[in-house]
mmCIF file of all heavy atoms, coordinates in Angstrom:
data_MODEL
# 
_entry.id   MODEL 
# 
loop_
_atom_site.group_PDB 
_atom_site.id 
_atom_site.type_symbol 
_atom_site.label_atom_id 
_atom_site.label_alt_id 
_atom_site.label_comp_id 
_atom_site.label_asym_id 
_atom_site.label_entity_id 
_atom_site.label_seq_id 
_atom_site.pdbx_PDB_ins_code 
_atom_site.Cartn_x 
_atom_site.Cartn_y 
_atom_site.Cartn_z 
_atom_site.occupancy 
_atom_site.B_iso_or_equiv 
_atom_site.pdbx_formal_charge 
_atom_site.auth_seq_id 
_atom_site.auth_comp_id 
_atom_site.auth_asym_id 
_atom_site.auth_atom_id 
_atom_site.pdbx_PDB_model_num 
ATOM 1   N N   . ARG A 1 1  ? -3.192  10.498  -0.442 1.00 0.00 ? 1  ARG A N   1 
ATOM 2   C CA  . ARG A 1 1  ? -4.530  9.912   -0.290 1.00 0.00 ? 1  ARG A CA  1 
ATOM 3   C C   . ARG A 1 1  ? -4.878  9.043   -1.497 1.00 0.00 ? 1  ARG A C   1 
ATOM 4   O O   . ARG A 1 1  ? -5.443  7.939   -1.350 1.00 0.00 ? 1  ARG A O   1 
ATOM 5   C CB  . ARG A 1 1  ? -5.572  11.022  -0.124 1.00 0.00 ? 1  ARG A CB  1 
ATOM 6   C CG  . ARG A 1 1  ? -5.506  11.757  1.220  1.00 0.00 ? 1  ARG A CG  1 
ATOM 7   C CD  . ARG A 1 1  ? -6.629  12.768  1.344  1.00 0.00 ? 1  ARG A CD  1 
ATOM 8   N NE  . ARG A 1 1  ? -6.567  13.487  2.617  1.00 0.00 ? 1  ARG A NE  1 
ATOM 9   C CZ  . ARG A 1 1  ? -6.262  14.770  2.742  1.00 0.00 ? 1  ARG A CZ  1 
ATOM 10  N NH1 . ARG A 1 1  ? -6.003  15.515  1.655  1.00 0.00 ? 1  ARG A NH1 1 
ATOM 11  N NH2 . ARG A 1 1  ? -6.217  15.341  3.941  1.00 0.00 ? 1  ARG A NH2 1 
ATOM 12  N N   . LEU A 1 2  ? -4.558  9.514   -2.694 1.00 0.00 ? 2  LEU A N   1 
ATOM 13  C CA  . LEU A 1 2  ? -4.813  8.708   -3.893 1.00 0.00 ? 2  LEU A CA  1 
ATOM 14  C C   . LEU A 1 2  ? -4.013  7.416   -3.860 1.00 0.00 ? 2  LEU A C   1 
ATOM 15  O O   . LEU A 1 2  ? -4.511  6.348   -4.254 1.00 0.00 ? 2  LEU A O   1 
ATOM 16  C CB  . LEU A 1 2  ? -4.456  9.512   -5.145 1.00 0.00 ? 2  LEU A CB  1 
ATOM 17  C CG  . LEU A 1 2  ? -5.419  10.646  -5.526 1.00 0.00 ? 2  LEU A CG  1 
ATOM 18  C CD1 . LEU A 1 2  ? -4.858  11.448  -6.705 1.00 0.00 ? 2  LEU A CD1 1 
ATOM 19  C CD2 . LEU A 1 2  ? -6.796  10.071  -5.898 1.00 0.00 ? 2  LEU A CD2 1 
ATOM 20  N N   . GLN A 1 3  ? -2.776  7.511   -3.380 1.00 0.00 ? 3  GLN A N   1 
ATOM 21  C CA  . GLN A 1 3  ? -1.944  6.305   -3.294 1.00 0.00 ? 3  GLN A CA  1 
ATOM 22  C C   . GLN A 1 3  ? -2.509  5.327   -2.257 1.00 0.00 ? 3  GLN A C   1 
ATOM 23  O O   . GLN A 1 3  ? -2.516  4.105   -2.484 1.00 0.00 ? 3  GLN A O   1 
ATOM 24  C CB  . GLN A 1 3  ? -0.501  6.695   -2.949 1.00 0.00 ? 3  GLN A CB  1 
ATOM 25  C CG  . GLN A 1 3  ? 0.208   7.420   -4.085 1.00 0.00 ? 3  GLN A CG  1 
ATOM 26  C CD  . GLN A 1 3  ? 1.667   7.710   -3.764 1.00 0.00 ? 3  GLN A CD  1 
ATOM 27  O OE1 . GLN A 1 3  ? 2.046   7.840   -2.600 1.00 0.00 ? 3  GLN A OE1 1 
ATOM 28  N NE2 . GLN A 1 3  ? 2.490   7.813   -4.798 1.00 0.00 ? 3  GLN A NE2 1 
ATOM 29  N N   . VAL A 1 4  ? -2.971  5.847   -1.115 1.00 0.00 ? 4  VAL A N   1 
ATOM 30  C CA  . VAL A 1 4  ? -3.581  4.989   -0.101 1.00 0.00 ? 4  VAL A CA  1 
ATOM 31  C C   . VAL A 1 4  ? -4.798  4.276   -0.686 1.00 0.00 ? 4  VAL A C   1 
ATOM 32  O O   . VAL A 1 4  ? -4.990  3.055   -0.478 1.00 0.00 ? 4  VAL A O   1 
ATOM 33  C CB  . VAL A 1 4  ? -3.974  5.815   1.143  1.00 0.00 ? 4  VAL A CB  1 
ATOM 34  C CG1 . VAL A 1 4  ? -4.838  4.973   2.088  1.00 0.00 ? 4  VAL A CG1 1 
ATOM 35  C CG2 . VAL A 1 4  ? -2.738  6.317   1.868  1.00 0.00 ? 4  VAL A CG2 1 
ATOM 36  N N   . THR A 1 5  ? -5.631  5.004   -1.407 1.00 0.00 ? 5  THR A N   1 
ATOM 37  C CA  . THR A 1 5  ? -6.822  4.415   -2.032 1.00 0.00 ? 5  THR A CA  1 
ATOM 38  C C   . THR A 1 5  ? -6.441  3.282   -2.974 1.00 0.00 ? 5  THR A C   1 
ATOM 39  O O   . THR A 1 5  ? -7.093  2.222   -2.998 1.00 0.00 ? 5  THR A O   1 
ATOM 40  C CB  . THR A 1 5  ? -7.602  5.498   -2.797 1.00 0.00 ? 5  THR A CB  1 
ATOM 41  O OG1 . THR A 1 5  ? -7.962  6.543   -1.894 1.00 0.00 ? 5  THR A OG1 1 
ATOM 42  C CG2 . THR A 1 5  ? -8.856  4.921   -3.426 1.00 0.00 ? 5  THR A CG2 1 
ATOM 43  N N   . HIS A 1 6  ? -5.392  3.480   -3.734 1.00 0.00 ? 6  HIS A N   1 
ATOM 44  C CA  . HIS A 1 6  ? -4.938  2.452   -4.679 1.00 0.00 ? 6  HIS A CA  1 
ATOM 45  C C   . HIS A 1 6  ? -4.355  1.244   -3.932 1.00 0.00 ? 6  HIS A C   1 
ATOM 46  O O   . HIS A 1 6  ? -4.649  0.096   -4.258 1.00 0.00 ? 6  HIS A O   1 
ATOM 47  C CB  . HIS A 1 6  ? -3.889  3.054   -5.617 1.00 0.00 ? 6  HIS A CB  1 
ATOM 48  C CG  . HIS A 1 6  ? -3.589  2.208   -6.807 1.00 0.00 ? 6  HIS A CG  1 
ATOM 49  N ND1 . HIS A 1 6  ? -3.122  2.717   -7.990 1.00 0.00 ? 6  HIS A ND1 1 
ATOM 50  C CD2 . HIS A 1 6  ? -3.689  0.867   -7.016 1.00 0.00 ? 6  HIS A CD2 1 
ATOM 51  C CE1 . HIS A 1 6  ? -2.937  1.740   -8.856 1.00 0.00 ? 6  HIS A CE1 1 
ATOM 52  N NE2 . HIS A 1 6  ? -3.279  0.595   -8.280 1.00 0.00 ? 6  HIS A NE2 1 
ATOM 53  N N   . ILE A 1 7  ? -3.541  1.506   -2.927 1.00 0.00 ? 7  ILE A N   1 
ATOM 54  C CA  . ILE A 1 7  ? -2.858  0.424   -2.199 1.00 0.00 ? 7  ILE A CA  1 
ATOM 55  C C   . ILE A 1 7  ? -3.866  -0.495  -1.507 1.00 0.00 ? 7  ILE A C   1 
ATOM 56  O O   . ILE A 1 7  ? -3.733  -1.732  -1.554 1.00 0.00 ? 7  ILE A O   1 
ATOM 57  C CB  . ILE A 1 7  ? -1.868  1.029   -1.176 1.00 0.00 ? 7  ILE A CB  1 
ATOM 58  C CG1 . ILE A 1 7  ? -0.698  1.712   -1.892 1.00 0.00 ? 7  ILE A CG1 1 
ATOM 59  C CG2 . ILE A 1 7  ? -1.348  -0.048  -0.220 1.00 0.00 ? 7  ILE A CG2 1 
ATOM 60  C CD1 . ILE A 1 7  ? 0.177   2.561   -0.981 1.00 0.00 ? 7  ILE A CD1 1 
ATOM 61  N N   . LEU A 1 8  ? -4.873  0.085   -0.850 1.00 0.00 ? 8  LEU A N   1 
ATOM 62  C CA  . LEU A 1 8  ? -5.811  -0.727  -0.076 1.00 0.00 ? 8  LEU A CA  1 
ATOM 63  C C   . LEU A 1 8  ? -6.766  -1.548  -0.938 1.00 0.00 ? 8  LEU A C   1 
ATOM 64  O O   . LEU A 1 8  ? -7.539  -2.346  -0.423 1.00 0.00 ? 8  LEU A O   1 
ATOM 65  C CB  . LEU A 1 8  ? -6.609  0.174   0.870  1.00 0.00 ? 8  LEU A CB  1 
ATOM 66  C CG  . LEU A 1 8  ? -5.782  0.860   1.975  1.00 0.00 ? 8  LEU A CG  1 
ATOM 67  C CD1 . LEU A 1 8  ? -6.681  1.653   2.907  1.00 0.00 ? 8  LEU A CD1 1 
ATOM 68  C CD2 . LEU A 1 8  ? -4.963  -0.158  2.773  1.00 0.00 ? 8  LEU A CD2 1 
ATOM 69  N N   . GLN A 1 9  ? -6.698  -1.381  -2.247 1.00 0.00 ? 9  GLN A N   1 
ATOM 70  C CA  . GLN A 1 9  ? -7.520  -2.196  -3.153 1.00 0.00 ? 9  GLN A CA  1 
ATOM 71  C C   . GLN A 1 9  ? -6.700  -3.260  -3.867 1.00 0.00 ? 9  GLN A C   1 
ATOM 72  O O   . GLN A 1 9  ? -7.231  -4.003  -4.692 1.00 0.00 ? 9  GLN A O   1 
ATOM 73  C CB  . GLN A 1 9  ? -8.191  -1.295  -4.203 1.00 0.00 ? 9  GLN A CB  1 
ATOM 74  C CG  . GLN A 1 9  ? -9.177  -0.291  -3.630 1.00 0.00 ? 9  GLN A CG  1 
ATOM 75  C CD  . GLN A 1 9  ? -9.805  0.560   -4.709 1.00 0.00 ? 9  GLN A CD  1 
ATOM 76  O OE1 . GLN A 1 9  ? -10.634 0.085   -5.499 1.00 0.00 ? 9  GLN A OE1 1 
ATOM 77  N NE2 . GLN A 1 9  ? -9.433  1.830   -4.744 1.00 0.00 ? 9  GLN A NE2 1 
ATOM 78  N N   . MET A 1 10 ? -5.426  -3.367  -3.537 1.00 0.00 ? 10 MET A N   1 
ATOM 79  C CA  . MET A 1 10 ? -4.554  -4.327  -4.215 1.00 0.00 ? 10 MET A CA  1 
ATOM 80  C C   . MET A 1 10 ? -4.739  -5.731  -3.656 1.00 0.00 ? 10 MET A C   1 
ATOM 81  O O   . MET A 1 10 ? -5.176  -5.917  -2.516 1.00 0.00 ? 10 MET A O   1 
ATOM 82  C CB  . MET A 1 10 ? -3.091  -3.897  -4.067 1.00 0.00 ? 10 MET A CB  1 
ATOM 83  C CG  . MET A 1 10 ? -2.745  -2.607  -4.808 1.00 0.00 ? 10 MET A CG  1 
ATOM 84  S SD  . MET A 1 10 ? -1.073  -2.038  -4.449 1.00 0.00 ? 10 MET A SD  1 
ATOM 85  C CE  . MET A 1 10 ? -0.106  -3.419  -5.081 1.00 0.00 ? 10 MET A CE  1 
ATOM 86  N N   . SER A 1 11 ? -4.364  -6.728  -4.489 1.00 0.00 ? 11 SER A N   1 
ATOM 87  C CA  . SER A 1 11 ? -4.532  -8.133  -4.107 1.00 0.00 ? 11 SER A CA  1 
ATOM 88  C C   . SER A 1 11 ? -3.212  -8.825  -3.780 1.00 0.00 ? 11 SER A C   1 
ATOM 89  O O   . SER A 1 11 ? -3.205  -9.990  -3.404 1.00 0.00 ? 11 SER A O   1 
ATOM 90  C CB  . SER A 1 11 ? -5.229  -8.907  -5.246 1.00 0.00 ? 11 SER A CB  1 
ATOM 91  O OG  . SER A 1 11 ? -6.494  -8.351  -5.522 1.00 0.00 ? 11 SER A OG  1 
ATOM 92  N N   . ASP A 1 12 ? -2.086  -8.119  -3.957 1.00 0.00 ? 12 ASP A N   1 
ATOM 93  C CA  . ASP A 1 12 ? -0.760  -8.689  -3.701 1.00 0.00 ? 12 ASP A CA  1 
ATOM 94  C C   . ASP A 1 12 ? -0.314  -8.265  -2.306 1.00 0.00 ? 12 ASP A C   1 
ATOM 95  O O   . ASP A 1 12 ? 0.105   -7.122  -2.093 1.00 0.00 ? 12 ASP A O   1 
ATOM 96  C CB  . ASP A 1 12 ? 0.231   -8.195  -4.760 1.00 0.00 ? 12 ASP A CB  1 
ATOM 97  C CG  . ASP A 1 12 ? 1.590   -8.870  -4.648 1.00 0.00 ? 12 ASP A CG  1 
ATOM 98  O OD1 . ASP A 1 12 ? 1.909   -9.399  -3.568 1.00 0.00 ? 12 ASP A OD1 1 
ATOM 99  O OD2 . ASP A 1 12 ? 2.344   -8.849  -5.638 1.00 0.00 ? 12 ASP A OD2 1 
ATOM 100 N N   . LYS A 1 13 ? -0.405  -9.187  -1.323 1.00 0.00 ? 13 LYS A N   1 
ATOM 101 C CA  . LYS A 1 13 ? -0.133  -8.829  0.072  1.00 0.00 ? 13 LYS A CA  1 
ATOM 102 C C   . LYS A 1 13 ? 1.308   -8.357  0.288  1.00 0.00 ? 13 LYS A C   1 
ATOM 103 O O   . LYS A 1 13 ? 1.550   -7.401  1.037  1.00 0.00 ? 13 LYS A O   1 
ATOM 104 C CB  . LYS A 1 13 ? -0.415  -10.025 0.988  1.00 0.00 ? 13 LYS A CB  1 
ATOM 105 C CG  . LYS A 1 13 ? -0.279  -9.682  2.484  1.00 0.00 ? 13 LYS A CG  1 
ATOM 106 C CD  . LYS A 1 13 ? -0.640  -10.870 3.354  1.00 0.00 ? 13 LYS A CD  1 
ATOM 107 C CE  . LYS A 1 13 ? -0.670  -10.473 4.829  1.00 0.00 ? 13 LYS A CE  1 
ATOM 108 N NZ  . LYS A 1 13 ? 0.595   -9.916  5.292  1.00 0.00 ? 13 LYS A NZ  1 
ATOM 109 N N   . LEU A 1 14 ? 2.273   -8.995  -0.367 1.00 0.00 ? 14 LEU A N   1 
ATOM 110 C CA  . LEU A 1 14 ? 3.661   -8.608  -0.182 1.00 0.00 ? 14 LEU A CA  1 
ATOM 111 C C   . LEU A 1 14 ? 3.897   -7.173  -0.630 1.00 0.00 ? 14 LEU A C   1 
ATOM 112 O O   . LEU A 1 14 ? 4.551   -6.389  0.062  1.00 0.00 ? 14 LEU A O   1 
ATOM 113 C CB  . LEU A 1 14 ? 4.578   -9.562  -0.961 1.00 0.00 ? 14 LEU A CB  1 
ATOM 114 C CG  . LEU A 1 14 ? 4.686   -10.990 -0.409 1.00 0.00 ? 14 LEU A CG  1 
ATOM 115 C CD1 . LEU A 1 14 ? 5.558   -11.846 -1.311 1.00 0.00 ? 14 LEU A CD1 1 
ATOM 116 C CD2 . LEU A 1 14 ? 5.256   -10.974 1.014  1.00 0.00 ? 14 LEU A CD2 1 
ATOM 117 N N   . ARG A 1 15 ? 3.325   -6.818  -1.770 1.00 0.00 ? 15 ARG A N   1 
ATOM 118 C CA  . ARG A 1 15 ? 3.501   -5.458  -2.274 1.00 0.00 ? 15 ARG A CA  1 
ATOM 119 C C   . ARG A 1 15 ? 2.742   -4.447  -1.410 1.00 0.00 ? 15 ARG A C   1 
ATOM 120 O O   . ARG A 1 15 ? 3.213   -3.346  -1.162 1.00 0.00 ? 15 ARG A O   1 
ATOM 121 C CB  . ARG A 1 15 ? 3.048   -5.367  -3.734 1.00 0.00 ? 15 ARG A CB  1 
ATOM 122 C CG  . ARG A 1 15 ? 3.931   -6.157  -4.696 1.00 0.00 ? 15 ARG A CG  1 
ATOM 123 C CD  . ARG A 1 15 ? 3.407   -6.070  -6.108 1.00 0.00 ? 15 ARG A CD  1 
ATOM 124 N NE  . ARG A 1 15 ? 3.598   -4.744  -6.670 1.00 0.00 ? 15 ARG A NE  1 
ATOM 125 C CZ  . ARG A 1 15 ? 2.983   -4.317  -7.772 1.00 0.00 ? 15 ARG A CZ  1 
ATOM 126 N NH1 . ARG A 1 15 ? 2.095   -5.098  -8.383 1.00 0.00 ? 15 ARG A NH1 1 
ATOM 127 N NH2 . ARG A 1 15 ? 3.224   -3.111  -8.251 1.00 0.00 ? 15 ARG A NH2 1 
ATOM 128 N N   . VAL A 1 16 ? 1.559   -4.851  -0.959 1.00 0.00 ? 16 VAL A N   1 
ATOM 129 C CA  . VAL A 1 16 ? 0.774   -3.949  -0.112 1.00 0.00 ? 16 VAL A CA  1 
ATOM 130 C C   . VAL A 1 16 ? 1.534   -3.660  1.184  1.00 0.00 ? 16 VAL A C   1 
ATOM 131 O O   . VAL A 1 16 ? 1.628   -2.504  1.615  1.00 0.00 ? 16 VAL A O   1 
ATOM 132 C CB  . VAL A 1 16 ? -0.608  -4.552  0.191  1.00 0.00 ? 16 VAL A CB  1 
ATOM 133 C CG1 . VAL A 1 16 ? -1.331  -3.726  1.254  1.00 0.00 ? 16 VAL A CG1 1 
ATOM 134 C CG2 . VAL A 1 16 ? -1.451  -4.624  -1.068 1.00 0.00 ? 16 VAL A CG2 1 
ATOM 135 N N   . ASP A 1 17 ? 2.076   -4.693  1.810  1.00 0.00 ? 17 ASP A N   1 
ATOM 136 C CA  . ASP A 1 17 ? 2.810   -4.488  3.061  1.00 0.00 ? 17 ASP A CA  1 
ATOM 137 C C   . ASP A 1 17 ? 4.055   -3.619  2.831  1.00 0.00 ? 17 ASP A C   1 
ATOM 138 O O   . ASP A 1 17 ? 4.409   -2.783  3.676  1.00 0.00 ? 17 ASP A O   1 
ATOM 139 C CB  . ASP A 1 17 ? 3.225   -5.841  3.651  1.00 0.00 ? 17 ASP A CB  1 
ATOM 140 C CG  . ASP A 1 17 ? 2.023   -6.615  4.191  1.00 0.00 ? 17 ASP A CG  1 
ATOM 141 O OD1 . ASP A 1 17 ? 0.957   -5.992  4.346  1.00 0.00 ? 17 ASP A OD1 1 
ATOM 142 O OD2 . ASP A 1 17 ? 2.156   -7.824  4.444  1.00 0.00 ? 17 ASP A OD2 1 
ATOM 143 N N   . LEU A 1 18 ? 4.701   -3.823  1.689  1.00 0.00 ? 18 LEU A N   1 
ATOM 144 C CA  . LEU A 1 18 ? 5.870   -3.012  1.361  1.00 0.00 ? 18 LEU A CA  1 
ATOM 145 C C   . LEU A 1 18 ? 5.484   -1.537  1.219  1.00 0.00 ? 18 LEU A C   1 
ATOM 146 O O   . LEU A 1 18 ? 6.153   -0.647  1.759  1.00 0.00 ? 18 LEU A O   1 
ATOM 147 C CB  . LEU A 1 18 ? 6.508   -3.522  0.062  1.00 0.00 ? 18 LEU A CB  1 
ATOM 148 C CG  . LEU A 1 18 ? 7.698   -2.723  -0.475 1.00 0.00 ? 18 LEU A CG  1 
ATOM 149 C CD1 . LEU A 1 18 ? 8.873   -2.817  0.483  1.00 0.00 ? 18 LEU A CD1 1 
ATOM 150 C CD2 . LEU A 1 18 ? 8.095   -3.225  -1.866 1.00 0.00 ? 18 LEU A CD2 1 
ATOM 151 N N   . LEU A 1 19 ? 4.392   -1.293  0.510  1.00 0.00 ? 19 LEU A N   1 
ATOM 152 C CA  . LEU A 1 19 ? 3.956   0.084   0.279  1.00 0.00 ? 19 LEU A CA  1 
ATOM 153 C C   . LEU A 1 19 ? 3.460   0.735   1.571  1.00 0.00 ? 19 LEU A C   1 
ATOM 154 O O   . LEU A 1 19 ? 3.641   1.941   1.774  1.00 0.00 ? 19 LEU A O   1 
ATOM 155 C CB  . LEU A 1 19 ? 2.865   0.118   -0.790 1.00 0.00 ? 19 LEU A CB  1 
ATOM 156 C CG  . LEU A 1 19 ? 3.330   -0.345  -2.188 1.00 0.00 ? 19 LEU A CG  1 
ATOM 157 C CD1 . LEU A 1 19 ? 2.169   -0.357  -3.162 1.00 0.00 ? 19 LEU A CD1 1 
ATOM 158 C CD2 . LEU A 1 19 ? 4.442   0.550   -2.716 1.00 0.00 ? 19 LEU A CD2 1 
ATOM 159 N N   . LEU A 1 20 ? 2.855   -0.058  2.464  1.00 0.00 ? 20 LEU A N   1 
ATOM 160 C CA  . LEU A 1 20 ? 2.462   0.496   3.761  1.00 0.00 ? 20 LEU A CA  1 
ATOM 161 C C   . LEU A 1 20 ? 3.686   0.895   4.577  1.00 0.00 ? 20 LEU A C   1 
ATOM 162 O O   . LEU A 1 20 ? 3.649   1.881   5.321  1.00 0.00 ? 20 LEU A O   1 
ATOM 163 C CB  . LEU A 1 20 ? 1.622   -0.530  4.536  1.00 0.00 ? 20 LEU A CB  1 
ATOM 164 C CG  . LEU A 1 20 ? 0.185   -0.740  4.038  1.00 0.00 ? 20 LEU A CG  1 
ATOM 165 C CD1 . LEU A 1 20 ? -0.492  -1.861  4.813  1.00 0.00 ? 20 LEU A CD1 1 
ATOM 166 C CD2 . LEU A 1 20 ? -0.632  0.549   4.146  1.00 0.00 ? 20 LEU A CD2 1 
ATOM 167 N N   . ASP A 1 21 ? 4.772   0.142   4.421  1.00 0.00 ? 21 ASP A N   1 
ATOM 168 C CA  . ASP A 1 21 ? 6.021   0.528   5.086  1.00 0.00 ? 21 ASP A CA  1 
ATOM 169 C C   . ASP A 1 21 ? 6.525   1.877   4.564  1.00 0.00 ? 21 ASP A C   1 
ATOM 170 O O   . ASP A 1 21 ? 7.041   2.698   5.334  1.00 0.00 ? 21 ASP A O   1 
ATOM 171 C CB  . ASP A 1 21 ? 7.089   -0.545  4.873  1.00 0.00 ? 21 ASP A CB  1 
ATOM 172 C CG  . ASP A 1 21 ? 6.854   -1.776  5.721  1.00 0.00 ? 21 ASP A CG  1 
ATOM 173 O OD1 . ASP A 1 21 ? 6.126   -1.669  6.733  1.00 0.00 ? 21 ASP A OD1 1 
ATOM 174 O OD2 . ASP A 1 21 ? 7.385   -2.854  5.379  1.00 0.00 ? 21 ASP A OD2 1 
ATOM 175 N N   . TYR A 1 22 ? 6.384   2.094   3.260  1.00 0.00 ? 22 TYR A N   1 
ATOM 176 C CA  . TYR A 1 22 ? 6.779   3.380   2.693  1.00 0.00 ? 22 TYR A CA  1 
ATOM 177 C C   . TYR A 1 22 ? 5.927   4.504   3.275  1.00 0.00 ? 22 TYR A C   1 
ATOM 178 O O   . TYR A 1 22 ? 6.430   5.596   3.577  1.00 0.00 ? 22 TYR A O   1 
ATOM 179 C CB  . TYR A 1 22 ? 6.633   3.375   1.168  1.00 0.00 ? 22 TYR A CB  1 
ATOM 180 C CG  . TYR A 1 22 ? 7.566   2.432   0.445  1.00 0.00 ? 22 TYR A CG  1 
ATOM 181 C CD1 . TYR A 1 22 ? 7.287   1.996   -0.848 1.00 0.00 ? 22 TYR A CD1 1 
ATOM 182 C CD2 . TYR A 1 22 ? 8.743   1.972   1.033  1.00 0.00 ? 22 TYR A CD2 1 
ATOM 183 C CE1 . TYR A 1 22 ? 8.132   1.136   -1.527 1.00 0.00 ? 22 TYR A CE1 1 
ATOM 184 C CE2 . TYR A 1 22 ? 9.589   1.113   0.372  1.00 0.00 ? 22 TYR A CE2 1 
ATOM 185 C CZ  . TYR A 1 22 ? 9.277   0.691   -0.915 1.00 0.00 ? 22 TYR A CZ  1 
ATOM 186 O OH  . TYR A 1 22 ? 10.112  -0.164  -1.575 1.00 0.00 ? 22 TYR A OH  1 
ATOM 187 N N   . LEU A 1 23 ? 4.626   4.249   3.428  1.00 0.00 ? 23 LEU A N   1 
ATOM 188 C CA  . LEU A 1 23 ? 3.732   5.258   4.001  1.00 0.00 ? 23 LEU A CA  1 
ATOM 189 C C   . LEU A 1 23 ? 4.120   5.582   5.439  1.00 0.00 ? 23 LEU A C   1 
ATOM 190 O O   . LEU A 1 23 ? 4.002   6.727   5.889  1.00 0.00 ? 23 LEU A O   1 
ATOM 191 C CB  . LEU A 1 23 ? 2.280   4.776   3.935  1.00 0.00 ? 23 LEU A CB  1 
ATOM 192 C CG  . LEU A 1 23 ? 1.651   4.726   2.530  1.00 0.00 ? 23 LEU A CG  1 
ATOM 193 C CD1 . LEU A 1 23 ? 0.271   4.079   2.584  1.00 0.00 ? 23 LEU A CD1 1 
ATOM 194 C CD2 . LEU A 1 23 ? 1.545   6.133   1.935  1.00 0.00 ? 23 LEU A CD2 1 
ATOM 195 N N   . ARG A 1 24 ? 4.579   4.579   6.174  1.00 0.00 ? 24 ARG A N   1 
ATOM 196 C CA  . ARG A 1 24 ? 5.032   4.827   7.543  1.00 0.00 ? 24 ARG A CA  1 
ATOM 197 C C   . ARG A 1 24 ? 6.221   5.789   7.571  1.00 0.00 ? 24 ARG A C   1 
ATOM 198 O O   . ARG A 1 24 ? 6.393   6.547   8.524  1.00 0.00 ? 24 ARG A O   1 
ATOM 199 C CB  . ARG A 1 24 ? 5.407   3.504   8.223  1.00 0.00 ? 24 ARG A CB  1 
ATOM 200 C CG  . ARG A 1 24 ? 4.222   2.591   8.531  1.00 0.00 ? 24 ARG A CG  1 
ATOM 201 C CD  . ARG A 1 24 ? 4.655   1.361   9.318  1.00 0.00 ? 24 ARG A CD  1 
ATOM 202 N NE  . ARG A 1 24 ? 3.524   0.499   9.624  1.00 0.00 ? 24 ARG A NE  1 
ATOM 203 C CZ  . ARG A 1 24 ? 3.143   -0.538  8.871  1.00 0.00 ? 24 ARG A CZ  1 
ATOM 204 N NH1 . ARG A 1 24 ? 3.841   -0.841  7.772  1.00 0.00 ? 24 ARG A NH1 1 
ATOM 205 N NH2 . ARG A 1 24 ? 2.106   -1.267  9.207  1.00 0.00 ? 24 ARG A NH2 1 
ATOM 206 N N   . GLU A 1 25 ? 7.052   5.731   6.523  1.00 0.00 ? 25 GLU A N   1 
ATOM 207 C CA  . GLU A 1 25 ? 8.197   6.637   6.450  1.00 0.00 ? 25 GLU A CA  1 
ATOM 208 C C   . GLU A 1 25 ? 7.759   8.065   6.144  1.00 0.00 ? 25 GLU A C   1 
ATOM 209 O O   . GLU A 1 25 ? 8.454   9.022   6.500  1.00 0.00 ? 25 GLU A O   1 
ATOM 210 C CB  . GLU A 1 25 ? 9.182   6.162   5.365  1.00 0.00 ? 25 GLU A CB  1 
ATOM 211 C CG  . GLU A 1 25 ? 9.804   4.800   5.617  1.00 0.00 ? 25 GLU A CG  1 
ATOM 212 C CD  . GLU A 1 25 ? 10.728  4.803   6.821  1.00 0.00 ? 25 GLU A CD  1 
ATOM 213 O OE1 . GLU A 1 25 ? 11.210  5.892   7.194  1.00 0.00 ? 25 GLU A OE1 1 
ATOM 214 O OE2 . GLU A 1 25 ? 10.962  3.731   7.398  1.00 0.00 ? 25 GLU A OE2 1 
# 
């Protein structure tokens, strides 16, 4: 949950999409 909170406030779309892929795993 803390990681999700951090990810959704980021400004780098490429990194955000990458990290969302990790969350899907």
